[in-house]
Amino acid sequence: MAEEKKDQAQVQVKVSDDHKPAFSNSAQINVSDDEVTLQFLYVRRNTGQGTLMSEVVLTPQHAIKFQKALDNTLKKHFTKHLPK
């Protein structure tokens, strides 16, 4: 793990002034040999209608790294913040 961090370069990310985060209450994942597509939706209650809020396409390798990072982050958060 230390070697992975050594190879990573810092990247400066600029967020446009008009950027707004989107809320999603549903997600769909589609997998092929070449890509993993994450679709984030907002589904309105009792209407059966949803809106695609965002779509992210990852390589399988990046999807695996994302899954590991998300898993580790959630485990750290919930072991600190959930009552025992």
Protein backbone atom coordinates (compact mmCIF):
# COMPACT_ATOMS: atom_id res chain seq x y z
CA MET A 1 0.00 0.00 0.00
CA ALA A 2 2.86 2.38 0.79
CA GLU A 3 4.29 1.75 -2.67
CA GLU A 4 0.98 2.72 -4.31
CA LYS A 5 0.97 6.06 -2.51
CA LYS A 6 4.60 6.68 -3.51
CA ASP A 7 3.74 6.35 -7.22
CA GLN A 8 0.73 8.67 -7.06
CA ALA A 9 1.22 12.24 -8.23
CA GLN A 10 -0.75 15.09 -6.74
CA VAL A 11 -3.47 16.46 -8.99
CA GLN A 12 -5.06 19.86 -8.58
CA VAL A 13 -8.78 19.74 -9.26
CA LYS A 14 -10.64 22.91 -10.21
CA VAL A 15 -14.35 22.98 -9.53
CA SER A 16 -16.34 25.43 -11.62
CA ASP A 17 -18.18 28.18 -9.75
CA ASP A 18 -21.57 26.95 -11.00
CA HIS A 19 -21.00 23.30 -9.95
CA LYS A 20 -23.72 21.84 -7.73
CA PRO A 21 -23.67 18.41 -6.14
CA ALA A 22 -26.47 16.02 -7.06
CA PHE A 23 -28.43 13.85 -4.63
CA SER A 24 -29.04 10.25 -5.62
CA ASN A 25 -31.25 7.72 -3.87
CA SER A 26 -30.66 4.87 -6.30
CA ALA A 27 -27.79 3.43 -8.30
CA GLN A 28 -27.41 0.96 -11.11
CA ILE A 29 -24.18 -0.81 -12.06
CA ASN A 30 -23.51 -2.33 -15.47
CA VAL A 31 -20.37 -4.38 -16.12
CA SER A 32 -18.72 -5.50 -19.34
CA ASP A 33 -15.23 -6.82 -20.04
CA ASP A 34 -14.05 -3.31 -20.92
CA GLU A 35 -15.88 -1.01 -18.51
CA VAL A 36 -17.94 -0.60 -15.36
CA THR A 37 -20.73 1.96 -15.62
CA LEU A 38 -22.23 3.50 -12.49
CA GLN A 39 -25.53 5.31 -13.00
CA PHE A 40 -26.82 7.45 -10.15
CA LEU A 41 -30.55 8.18 -10.18
CA TYR A 42 -33.07 10.18 -8.23
CA VAL A 43 -36.33 8.20 -8.08
CA ARG A 44 -39.42 10.10 -6.95
CA ARG A 45 -41.56 8.30 -4.40
CA ASN A 46 -44.88 6.86 -5.51
CA THR A 47 -44.39 7.96 -9.13
CA GLY A 48 -42.29 5.20 -10.64
CA GLN A 49 -40.26 7.91 -12.40
CA GLY A 50 -36.58 8.60 -12.04
CA THR A 51 -33.99 11.04 -13.33
CA LEU A 52 -30.42 10.14 -14.24
CA MET A 53 -28.30 12.45 -12.09
CA SER A 54 -24.85 11.27 -13.11
CA GLU A 55 -23.09 8.50 -14.98
CA VAL A 56 -19.51 7.43 -14.34
CA VAL A 57 -17.63 4.98 -16.55
CA LEU A 58 -14.55 3.25 -15.10
CA THR A 59 -12.07 0.72 -16.37
CA PRO A 60 -12.33 -2.58 -14.49
CA GLN A 61 -9.00 -1.84 -12.77
CA HIS A 62 -10.20 1.58 -11.56
CA ALA A 63 -13.52 0.08 -10.45
CA ILE A 64 -11.66 -2.43 -8.26
CA LYS A 65 -9.53 0.35 -6.73
CA PHE A 66 -12.69 2.43 -6.19
CA GLN A 67 -14.44 -0.50 -4.48
CA LYS A 68 -11.51 -1.07 -2.13
CA ALA A 69 -11.24 2.64 -1.28
CA LEU A 70 -14.99 2.92 -0.66
CA ASP A 71 -15.00 -0.24 1.48
CA ASN A 72 -12.06 0.96 3.60
CA THR A 73 -13.53 4.44 4.02
CA LEU A 74 -16.95 3.14 5.08
CA LYS A 75 -15.44 0.66 7.53
CA LYS A 76 -13.34 3.40 9.15
CA HIS A 77 -16.29 5.80 9.36
CA PHE A 78 -18.84 3.38 10.74
CA THR A 79 -16.51 1.80 13.27
CA LYS A 80 -15.92 5.31 14.68
CA HIS A 81 -19.45 6.70 14.49
CA LEU A 82 -21.89 3.86 15.08
CA PRO A 83 -22.93 3.02 18.64
CA LYS A 84 -21.68 -0.32 19.90
